[in-house]
Amino acid sequence: MECLKSGAPRQDSFRCNLLNLVESLNEDQWNLQELVDRGQAEKSAQHSAFISARAANALYYALDDDLLFSAAEAIYEANAALNDLQIRSGWVCLDS
């Protein structure tokens, strides 16, 4: 997060490690979903894992070099994690 705040260039190794974390968190939340479906885990545990995976993915995308792509994907993932953002058509106006 400090890298984003300061505008300092990101480190590829950090982003690679972050992607590995995202993939691991995604796998965990899908495994928990399967357990929930079988009645072997609480939905709250899966929901918490889902939020963690989405939040980590938002940070991963926020570090992308393509600023437009970065912003769009980070907002999408943050919205999925928080589930309370009002993203509407026309909220962001982009000139070509």
Protein backbone atom coordinates (compact mmCIF):
# COMPACT_ATOMS: atom_id res chain seq x y z
CA MET A 1 0.00 0.00 0.00
CA GLU A 2 2.89 2.39 0.68
CA CYS A 3 4.00 1.93 -2.92
CA LEU A 4 0.59 3.10 -4.12
CA LYS A 5 0.45 6.05 -1.71
CA SER A 6 3.92 7.31 -2.55
CA GLY A 7 3.70 6.76 -6.29
CA ALA A 8 6.91 4.76 -6.12
CA PRO A 9 7.41 2.20 -8.85
CA ARG A 10 6.14 -1.24 -7.97
CA GLN A 11 8.44 -4.21 -7.73
CA ASP A 12 7.70 -7.11 -10.06
CA SER A 13 8.65 -9.65 -7.39
CA PHE A 14 6.13 -8.13 -4.98
CA ARG A 15 3.38 -8.27 -7.60
CA CYS A 16 4.31 -11.87 -8.44
CA ASN A 17 4.13 -12.82 -4.76
CA LEU A 18 0.82 -11.01 -4.49
CA LEU A 19 -0.56 -13.01 -7.43
CA ASN A 20 0.51 -16.22 -5.69
CA LEU A 21 -1.34 -15.06 -2.58
CA VAL A 22 -4.46 -14.24 -4.63
CA GLU A 23 -4.41 -17.68 -6.24
CA SER A 24 -4.02 -19.36 -2.85
CA LEU A 25 -6.83 -17.29 -1.31
CA ASN A 26 -9.09 -18.06 -4.29
CA GLU A 27 -8.42 -21.76 -3.92
CA ASP A 28 -9.14 -21.58 -0.19
CA GLN A 29 -12.44 -19.82 -0.70
CA TRP A 30 -13.57 -22.29 -3.38
CA ASN A 31 -12.62 -25.21 -1.13
CA LEU A 32 -14.63 -23.63 1.67
CA GLN A 33 -17.55 -23.15 -0.72
CA GLU A 34 -17.52 -26.88 -1.46
CA LEU A 35 -17.54 -27.61 2.27
CA VAL A 36 -20.43 -25.17 2.77
CA ASP A 37 -22.35 -26.89 -0.03
CA ARG A 38 -21.89 -30.21 1.79
CA GLY A 39 -22.88 -28.73 5.14
CA GLN A 40 -19.38 -29.15 6.56
CA ALA A 41 -18.47 -25.47 6.98
CA GLU A 42 -20.15 -22.22 7.89
CA LYS A 43 -21.05 -19.75 5.15
CA SER A 44 -19.42 -16.99 7.20
CA ALA A 45 -16.02 -18.70 6.87
CA GLN A 46 -16.38 -18.91 3.10
CA HIS A 47 -17.57 -15.31 2.93
CA SER A 48 -14.57 -14.13 4.93
CA ALA A 49 -12.22 -16.06 2.61
CA PHE A 50 -13.99 -14.58 -0.42
CA ILE A 51 -13.52 -11.03 0.93
CA SER A 52 -9.83 -11.66 1.57
CA ALA A 53 -9.31 -13.02 -1.93
CA ARG A 54 -11.11 -10.10 -3.56
CA ALA A 55 -9.26 -7.52 -1.45
CA ALA A 56 -5.88 -9.06 -2.34
CA ASN A 57 -6.88 -9.15 -6.00
CA ALA A 58 -7.88 -5.46 -5.84
CA LEU A 59 -4.38 -4.63 -4.60
CA TYR A 60 -2.82 -6.84 -7.29
CA TYR A 61 -4.72 -5.01 -10.03
CA ALA A 62 -4.01 -1.60 -8.48
CA LEU A 63 -0.32 -2.24 -9.18
CA ASP A 64 -0.79 -2.87 -12.93
CA ASP A 65 1.09 -0.59 -15.33
CA ASP A 66 -2.01 0.06 -17.46
CA LEU A 67 -3.72 2.74 -15.37
CA LEU A 68 -7.16 2.44 -16.97
CA PHE A 69 -7.18 -1.35 -16.65
CA SER A 70 -5.72 -1.06 -13.16
CA ALA A 71 -8.42 1.32 -11.94
CA ALA A 72 -11.30 -0.62 -13.49
CA GLU A 73 -10.21 -4.01 -12.15
CA ALA A 74 -9.25 -2.71 -8.71
CA ILE A 75 -12.65 -0.99 -8.36
CA TYR A 76 -14.43 -4.13 -9.51
CA GLU A 77 -12.59 -6.34 -7.01
CA ALA A 78 -13.00 -3.84 -4.17
CA ASN A 79 -16.71 -3.68 -4.92
CA ALA A 80 -16.93 -7.47 -4.77
CA ALA A 81 -15.08 -7.46 -1.44
CA LEU A 82 -17.12 -4.70 0.16
CA ASN A 83 -20.41 -5.35 -1.61
CA ASP A 84 -21.58 -1.84 -0.80
CA LEU A 85 -20.10 0.41 -3.46
CA GLN A 86 -22.54 1.98 -5.86
CA ILE A 87 -20.97 1.42 -9.27
CA ARG A 88 -23.27 2.75 -11.92
CA SER A 89 -23.10 3.26 -15.64
CA GLY A 90 -21.52 6.64 -16.28
CA TRP A 91 -19.89 6.84 -12.84
CA VAL A 92 -16.51 7.18 -14.51
CA CYS A 93 -16.26 9.09 -17.77
CA LEU A 94 -13.26 8.20 -19.89
CA ASP A 95 -12.28 10.18 -22.97
CA SER A 96 -10.60 8.29 -25.80
